[in-house]
Amino acid sequence: MIEVKDLVRRFGEAEAVSHVSFQVERGDIVGFLGPNGAGKTTTLRMITGFLPPTSGEVVVEGKSSSDHGKEVRRLIGYLPENNPLYEDLRVREYLDFRAELKGLPRKRRKGRVDEVLEATGAAEVAGKLIGACSKGFRQRVGLADALLADPPFLILDEPTVGLDPVQIVQTRELIRTLGRERTVLLSTHILPEVEAICTRALILYRGRLLYDGSVEGLRRGLGRGGLLVRLAAPAARAEEVLSAVPGVVGLRKTSETAEEVLWDVETEKETDVRGALFSACAGAGLVLLEMAPRQVSLEEAFLALTTAESLEETPR
């Protein structure tokens, strides 16, 4: 388990990370979300030991990074955002060199390099110069490097940045596969990435942790509640009936034909208006063709959370 306890990082007078605390359990694939400049990379660098915190503590498997820095670093495989590689080395040469730096015994190195090349799908470029590899394969080499010491934790900072759509899909699938055996903390500002890979999300905004919970809970708890209701009824009459249902706080027509109208019905949070809405339509003689929960996207929930935070911080 990784425990982040009240982390603070200041650069001069600026506080890049402000009293951030969370835990990442074994077996989790956690999305670390936030816009550019939110403090994600700074937090990850403190967790991995590349940057000391101004205050606070990181504990990995019961070991404090401040007291047992070398041991903690051995437990974490880290793919930084810029993925620094030696472009004049061949892929296998680079990984063998990195394995030596990480303390792998000589007899174990070749076999382990073969294993990580195979695991990351980079075996086909093992003999190529890194500088001649595509961006997608460079990311795979970076992941292979992170896996060399067989760490139980992987920390990946923007692993799909700069990739084309095909490479993004391939990299996401690779991370999902790696997450079956390891704990993964994945930093990104791309929300579909979290939906595709993660079951839990952490949202950092202006250096503060705003949300820690499931991806599904983010949609339920922060997006507005609502229903999609399709009626074979005149729009004006339908609007009159629907707006009078207790718990309905807003209406919006999303499509309209001569035969039917589809309404986006906004409701109060945690309020189930389906029974009352059905009764109201039946009592008014409106033909109800469809009623289904409105699916709130992760983008909407994220914007709702960060917009609310911005409004709270705005001086009045």
Protein backbone atom coordinates (compact mmCIF):
# COMPACT_ATOMS: atom_id res chain seq x y z
CA MET A 1 0.00 0.00 0.00
CA ILE A 2 1.09 3.58 -0.71
CA GLU A 3 0.10 6.11 1.94
CA VAL A 4 0.38 9.81 1.17
CA LYS A 5 0.11 11.83 4.37
CA ASP A 6 -0.50 15.58 4.32
CA LEU A 7 1.96 16.28 1.50
CA VAL A 8 2.93 19.90 0.91
CA ARG A 9 5.35 21.22 -1.68
CA ARG A 10 6.24 24.88 -2.02
CA PHE A 11 8.39 26.57 -4.64
CA GLY A 12 9.27 29.88 -3.07
CA GLU A 13 5.97 31.48 -2.06
CA ALA A 14 3.90 29.31 -4.41
CA GLU A 15 2.28 26.20 -2.94
CA ALA A 16 2.12 23.64 -5.75
CA VAL A 17 0.71 20.84 -3.57
CA SER A 18 -1.39 21.66 -0.52
CA HIS A 19 -1.94 19.09 2.26
CA VAL A 20 -2.74 16.11 0.01
CA SER A 21 -3.54 12.77 1.65
CA PHE A 22 -4.71 9.46 0.14
CA GLN A 23 -3.99 5.74 0.04
CA VAL A 24 -3.50 3.39 -2.90
CA GLU A 25 -4.20 -0.25 -2.07
CA ARG A 26 -2.57 -3.29 -3.62
CA GLY A 27 -4.30 -4.28 -6.84
CA ASP A 28 -5.83 -0.86 -7.56
CA ILE A 29 -5.65 0.93 -10.90
CA VAL A 30 -6.15 4.54 -9.84
CA GLY A 31 -6.57 7.53 -12.14
CA PHE A 32 -4.83 10.66 -10.85
CA LEU A 33 -6.80 13.39 -12.58
CA GLY A 34 -6.47 17.11 -12.94
CA PRO A 35 -5.93 19.89 -15.47
CA ASN A 36 -2.43 20.93 -16.50
CA GLY A 37 -0.76 22.70 -13.60
CA ALA A 38 -2.88 20.99 -10.94
CA GLY A 39 0.17 19.54 -9.15
CA LYS A 40 -0.08 15.95 -10.37
CA THR A 41 3.52 15.58 -11.56
CA THR A 42 4.88 17.30 -8.45
CA THR A 43 2.93 14.87 -6.25
CA LEU A 44 4.16 11.86 -8.22
CA ARG A 45 7.76 13.03 -7.98
CA MET A 46 7.42 13.25 -4.21
CA ILE A 47 5.90 9.75 -4.03
CA THR A 48 8.74 8.30 -6.12
CA GLY A 49 11.44 10.13 -4.14
CA PHE A 50 12.63 12.34 -7.00
CA LEU A 51 11.50 15.45 -5.13
CA PRO A 52 11.47 15.95 -1.34
CA PRO A 53 8.25 17.32 0.15
CA THR A 54 8.24 20.60 2.03
CA SER A 55 6.26 18.73 4.67
CA GLY A 56 4.27 15.53 4.97
CA GLU A 57 5.24 11.93 4.41
CA VAL A 58 5.03 9.09 1.88
CA VAL A 59 4.89 5.53 3.24
CA VAL A 60 5.19 2.53 0.90
CA GLU A 61 4.60 -0.94 2.30
CA GLY A 62 5.17 0.45 5.79
CA LYS A 63 8.45 2.17 4.90
CA SER A 64 8.78 5.95 5.03
CA SER A 65 10.41 7.43 1.92
CA SER A 66 12.30 9.94 4.06
CA ASP A 67 13.92 7.22 6.21
CA HIS A 68 14.13 4.35 3.70
CA GLY A 69 14.38 6.17 0.37
CA LYS A 70 16.41 3.53 -1.47
CA GLU A 71 14.15 0.67 -0.35
CA VAL A 72 11.00 2.62 -1.30
CA ARG A 73 12.36 3.43 -4.76
CA ARG A 74 12.96 -0.29 -5.37
CA LEU A 75 9.26 -0.92 -4.80
CA ILE A 76 8.12 1.60 -7.42
CA GLY A 77 8.42 1.49 -11.19
CA TYR A 78 8.20 5.04 -12.53
CA LEU A 79 7.47 6.25 -16.05
CA PRO A 80 7.94 10.05 -16.02
CA GLU A 81 6.03 12.30 -18.38
CA ASN A 82 9.02 13.14 -20.59
CA ASN A 83 10.24 9.48 -20.63
CA PRO A 84 13.99 10.24 -20.86
CA LEU A 85 15.79 7.65 -23.00
CA TYR A 86 19.28 7.35 -24.50
CA GLU A 87 18.46 7.60 -28.19
CA ASP A 88 21.89 6.45 -29.36
CA LEU A 89 21.55 3.08 -27.61
CA ARG A 90 19.69 0.10 -28.95
CA VAL A 91 16.62 -0.93 -26.98
CA ARG A 92 18.12 -4.11 -25.53
CA GLU A 93 21.41 -2.33 -24.69
CA TYR A 94 19.52 0.41 -22.89
CA LEU A 95 17.43 -2.01 -20.85
CA ASP A 96 20.50 -4.08 -19.95
CA PHE A 97 22.23 -0.89 -18.78
CA ARG A 98 19.18 0.12 -16.73
CA ALA A 99 18.96 -3.36 -15.23
CA GLU A 100 22.58 -3.05 -14.08
CA LEU A 101 21.85 0.34 -12.51
CA LYS A 102 18.90 -1.19 -10.67
CA GLY A 103 21.12 -3.86 -9.17
CA LEU A 104 19.92 -6.94 -11.08
CA PRO A 105 22.55 -9.71 -10.97
CA ARG A 106 24.38 -10.30 -14.26
CA LYS A 107 22.99 -13.85 -14.59
CA ARG A 108 19.43 -12.53 -14.21
CA ARG A 109 19.67 -9.52 -16.51
CA LYS A 110 19.27 -11.08 -19.95
CA GLY A 111 16.29 -13.18 -18.92
CA ARG A 112 14.60 -10.24 -17.22
CA VAL A 113 15.18 -7.96 -20.21
CA ASP A 114 13.60 -10.61 -22.44
CA GLU A 115 10.63 -10.84 -20.05
CA VAL A 116 9.89 -7.10 -19.99
CA LEU A 117 10.36 -6.78 -23.75
CA GLU A 118 7.78 -9.51 -24.22
CA ALA A 119 5.42 -8.13 -21.56
CA THR A 120 5.36 -4.66 -23.11
CA GLY A 121 5.25 -5.75 -26.75
CA ALA A 122 8.62 -4.14 -27.46
CA ALA A 123 10.49 -7.30 -28.43
CA GLU A 124 10.21 -6.52 -32.14
CA VAL A 125 12.33 -3.37 -31.71
CA ALA A 126 14.89 -4.90 -29.31
CA GLY A 127 17.72 -4.43 -31.83
CA LYS A 128 16.74 -0.96 -33.04
CA LEU A 129 18.25 2.33 -31.97
CA ILE A 130 15.87 4.05 -29.57
CA GLY A 131 16.13 7.21 -31.66
CA ALA A 132 14.72 5.31 -34.64
CA CYS A 133 11.68 4.00 -32.72
CA SER A 134 8.22 5.53 -32.93
CA LYS A 135 6.76 7.44 -30.00
CA GLY A 136 4.54 4.47 -29.19
CA PHE A 137 7.49 2.07 -28.97
CA ARG A 138 9.47 4.57 -26.90
CA GLN A 139 6.64 4.56 -24.38
CA ARG A 140 6.79 0.76 -24.35
CA VAL A 141 10.53 0.91 -23.72
CA GLY A 142 9.88 3.30 -20.84
CA LEU A 143 7.33 0.87 -19.41
CA ALA A 144 9.78 -2.00 -19.86
CA ASP A 145 12.36 0.01 -17.91
CA ALA A 146 9.83 0.63 -15.12
CA LEU A 147 9.15 -3.12 -14.90
CA LEU A 148 12.78 -4.33 -14.84
CA ALA A 149 13.07 -4.67 -11.06
CA ASP A 150 9.62 -6.31 -10.90
CA PRO A 151 8.16 -3.61 -8.63
CA PRO A 152 4.74 -4.11 -7.02
CA PHE A 153 3.78 -0.49 -7.76
CA LEU A 154 3.76 1.34 -11.09
CA ILE A 155 3.47 5.12 -11.30
CA LEU A 156 2.81 6.39 -14.82
CA ASP A 157 2.79 10.10 -15.58
CA GLU A 158 0.77 10.92 -18.72
CA PRO A 159 1.71 7.62 -20.43
CA THR A 160 -0.29 8.28 -23.63
CA VAL A 161 0.65 11.93 -24.23
CA GLY A 162 1.72 12.50 -27.84
CA LEU A 163 0.54 9.11 -29.09
CA ASP A 164 -1.72 8.60 -32.09
CA PRO A 165 -5.18 7.02 -31.58
CA VAL A 166 -4.02 3.49 -32.36
CA GLN A 167 -1.02 3.79 -30.02
CA ILE A 168 -3.28 5.19 -27.27
CA VAL A 169 -5.59 2.17 -27.46
CA GLN A 170 -2.60 -0.21 -27.45
CA THR A 171 -0.99 1.54 -24.47
CA ARG A 172 -4.25 1.54 -22.49
CA GLU A 173 -4.65 -2.19 -23.06
CA LEU A 174 -1.05 -2.76 -22.01
CA ILE A 175 -1.58 -0.80 -18.77
CA ARG A 176 -4.79 -2.72 -18.08
CA THR A 177 -2.85 -5.99 -18.50
CA LEU A 178 -0.01 -4.83 -16.24
CA GLY A 179 -2.56 -3.80 -13.63
CA ARG A 180 -3.67 -7.41 -13.16
CA GLU A 181 -0.49 -8.11 -11.20
CA ARG A 182 0.48 -4.67 -9.90
CA THR A 183 -0.87 -1.55 -8.30
CA VAL A 184 -0.99 1.28 -10.85
CA LEU A 185 -1.27 5.01 -10.21
CA LEU A 186 -1.94 6.65 -13.57
CA SER A 187 -1.67 10.43 -13.93
CA THR A 188 -3.60 12.03 -16.76
CA HIS A 189 -5.71 15.00 -17.75
CA ILE A 190 -7.54 12.89 -20.38
CA LEU A 191 -10.83 11.79 -18.82
CA PRO A 192 -11.63 8.96 -21.28
CA GLU A 193 -8.35 7.39 -20.17
CA VAL A 194 -9.69 7.02 -16.64
CA GLU A 195 -13.03 5.67 -17.87
CA ALA A 196 -11.23 3.09 -20.04
CA ILE A 197 -8.73 1.83 -17.46
CA CYS A 198 -9.49 2.83 -13.88
CA THR A 199 -12.10 1.99 -11.26
CA ARG A 200 -11.00 4.69 -8.83
CA ALA A 201 -10.21 8.36 -9.34
CA LEU A 202 -8.30 11.03 -7.45
CA ILE A 203 -8.89 14.59 -8.62
CA LEU A 204 -6.30 17.25 -7.91
CA TYR A 205 -7.11 20.88 -8.60
CA ARG A 206 -4.84 23.83 -7.83
CA GLY A 207 -2.76 21.61 -5.60
CA ARG A 208 -5.64 20.31 -3.49
CA LEU A 209 -7.33 16.91 -3.53
CA LEU A 210 -11.01 17.45 -4.40
CA TYR A 211 -12.20 13.88 -4.88
CA ASP A 212 -11.16 10.38 -3.86
CA GLY A 213 -13.54 7.59 -4.80
CA SER A 214 -14.85 5.31 -7.53
CA VAL A 215 -15.25 6.50 -11.10
CA GLU A 216 -18.90 5.49 -11.00
CA GLY A 217 -19.34 7.36 -7.72
CA LEU A 218 -17.91 10.47 -9.35
CA ARG A 219 -20.64 10.34 -11.97
CA ARG A 220 -23.39 9.67 -9.43
CA GLY A 221 -22.30 12.10 -6.78
CA LEU A 222 -21.20 15.10 -8.80
CA GLY A 223 -23.22 14.99 -11.97
CA ARG A 224 -26.79 16.23 -11.77
CA GLY A 225 -29.50 13.62 -11.48
CA GLY A 226 -31.99 13.20 -14.24
CA LEU A 227 -34.05 11.18 -16.66
CA LEU A 228 -34.55 11.01 -20.39
CA VAL A 229 -38.29 11.01 -21.04
CA ARG A 230 -39.87 10.46 -24.48
CA LEU A 231 -43.50 11.55 -24.84
CA ALA A 232 -46.00 11.42 -27.69
CA ALA A 233 -47.60 14.68 -26.63
CA PRO A 234 -47.58 18.40 -27.56
CA ALA A 235 -44.43 20.04 -26.21
CA ALA A 236 -46.23 22.86 -24.40
CA ARG A 237 -48.58 20.48 -22.55
CA ALA A 238 -45.76 18.04 -21.73
CA GLU A 239 -43.62 20.84 -20.32
CA GLU A 240 -46.51 21.99 -18.12
CA VAL A 241 -47.09 18.51 -16.69
CA LEU A 242 -43.43 17.53 -16.25
CA SER A 243 -42.38 20.76 -14.57
CA ALA A 244 -45.12 20.33 -11.94
CA VAL A 245 -43.75 16.95 -10.73
CA PRO A 246 -42.14 17.31 -7.27
CA GLY A 247 -38.37 16.90 -7.48
CA VAL A 248 -38.10 18.10 -11.09
CA VAL A 249 -35.88 21.20 -11.18
CA GLY A 250 -35.30 21.67 -14.91
CA LEU A 251 -36.41 20.61 -18.39
CA ARG A 252 -34.71 20.68 -21.77
CA LYS A 253 -35.92 19.43 -25.13
CA THR A 254 -33.17 17.37 -26.76
CA SER A 255 -35.09 16.37 -29.90
CA GLU A 256 -38.55 16.93 -31.36
CA THR A 257 -40.57 15.49 -34.24
CA ALA A 258 -44.21 15.75 -35.23
CA GLU A 259 -44.95 12.54 -33.29
CA GLU A 260 -42.80 12.79 -30.15
CA VAL A 261 -40.49 14.90 -27.98
CA LEU A 262 -37.46 13.73 -26.00
CA TRP A 263 -36.99 15.61 -22.74
CA ASP A 264 -33.91 15.83 -20.53
CA VAL A 265 -35.50 16.05 -17.07
CA GLU A 266 -33.18 17.39 -14.37
CA THR A 267 -34.01 16.23 -10.86
CA GLU A 268 -32.83 16.93 -7.35
CA LYS A 269 -29.94 14.74 -6.22
CA GLU A 270 -30.90 11.43 -4.62
CA THR A 271 -34.55 11.99 -5.62
CA ASP A 272 -36.41 9.27 -7.53
CA VAL A 273 -39.25 10.93 -9.42
CA ARG A 274 -40.09 8.06 -11.77
CA GLY A 275 -43.30 6.98 -10.01
CA ALA A 276 -44.59 10.53 -9.64
CA LEU A 277 -43.68 11.36 -13.23
CA PHE A 278 -45.44 8.25 -14.57
CA SER A 279 -48.57 9.04 -12.54
CA ALA A 280 -48.56 12.67 -13.71
CA CYS A 281 -48.30 11.65 -17.37
CA ALA A 282 -51.03 9.03 -17.02
CA GLY A 283 -53.33 11.46 -15.18
CA ALA A 284 -52.86 14.10 -17.88
CA GLY A 285 -53.41 11.63 -20.72
CA LEU A 286 -49.84 11.95 -22.04
CA VAL A 287 -48.45 8.89 -23.84
CA LEU A 288 -45.15 7.95 -22.20
CA LEU A 289 -42.96 6.12 -24.73
CA GLU A 290 -39.71 5.89 -22.80
CA MET A 291 -38.16 6.79 -19.45
CA ALA A 292 -34.52 6.03 -18.64
CA PRO A 293 -31.79 7.35 -16.32
CA ARG A 294 -29.71 10.08 -17.84
CA GLN A 295 -26.06 8.96 -18.12
CA VAL A 296 -23.72 11.63 -16.77
CA SER A 297 -20.32 11.63 -18.45
CA LEU A 298 -17.10 11.85 -16.49
CA GLU A 299 -16.38 15.15 -18.24
CA GLU A 300 -19.62 16.66 -16.89
CA ALA A 301 -18.93 15.45 -13.37
CA PHE A 302 -15.35 16.72 -13.49
CA LEU A 303 -16.44 20.14 -14.75
CA ALA A 304 -19.16 20.34 -12.10
CA LEU A 305 -16.60 19.67 -9.37
CA THR A 306 -13.86 22.02 -10.58
CA THR A 307 -16.31 24.78 -11.52
CA ALA A 308 -17.84 24.68 -8.06
CA GLU A 309 -14.35 24.87 -6.55
CA SER A 310 -13.45 27.87 -8.74
CA LEU A 311 -16.63 29.67 -7.69
CA GLU A 312 -15.86 29.07 -4.02
CA GLU A 313 -12.38 30.55 -4.45
CA THR A 314 -13.57 33.63 -6.36
CA PRO A 315 -13.46 36.75 -4.14
CA ARG A 316 -16.86 38.34 -3.64
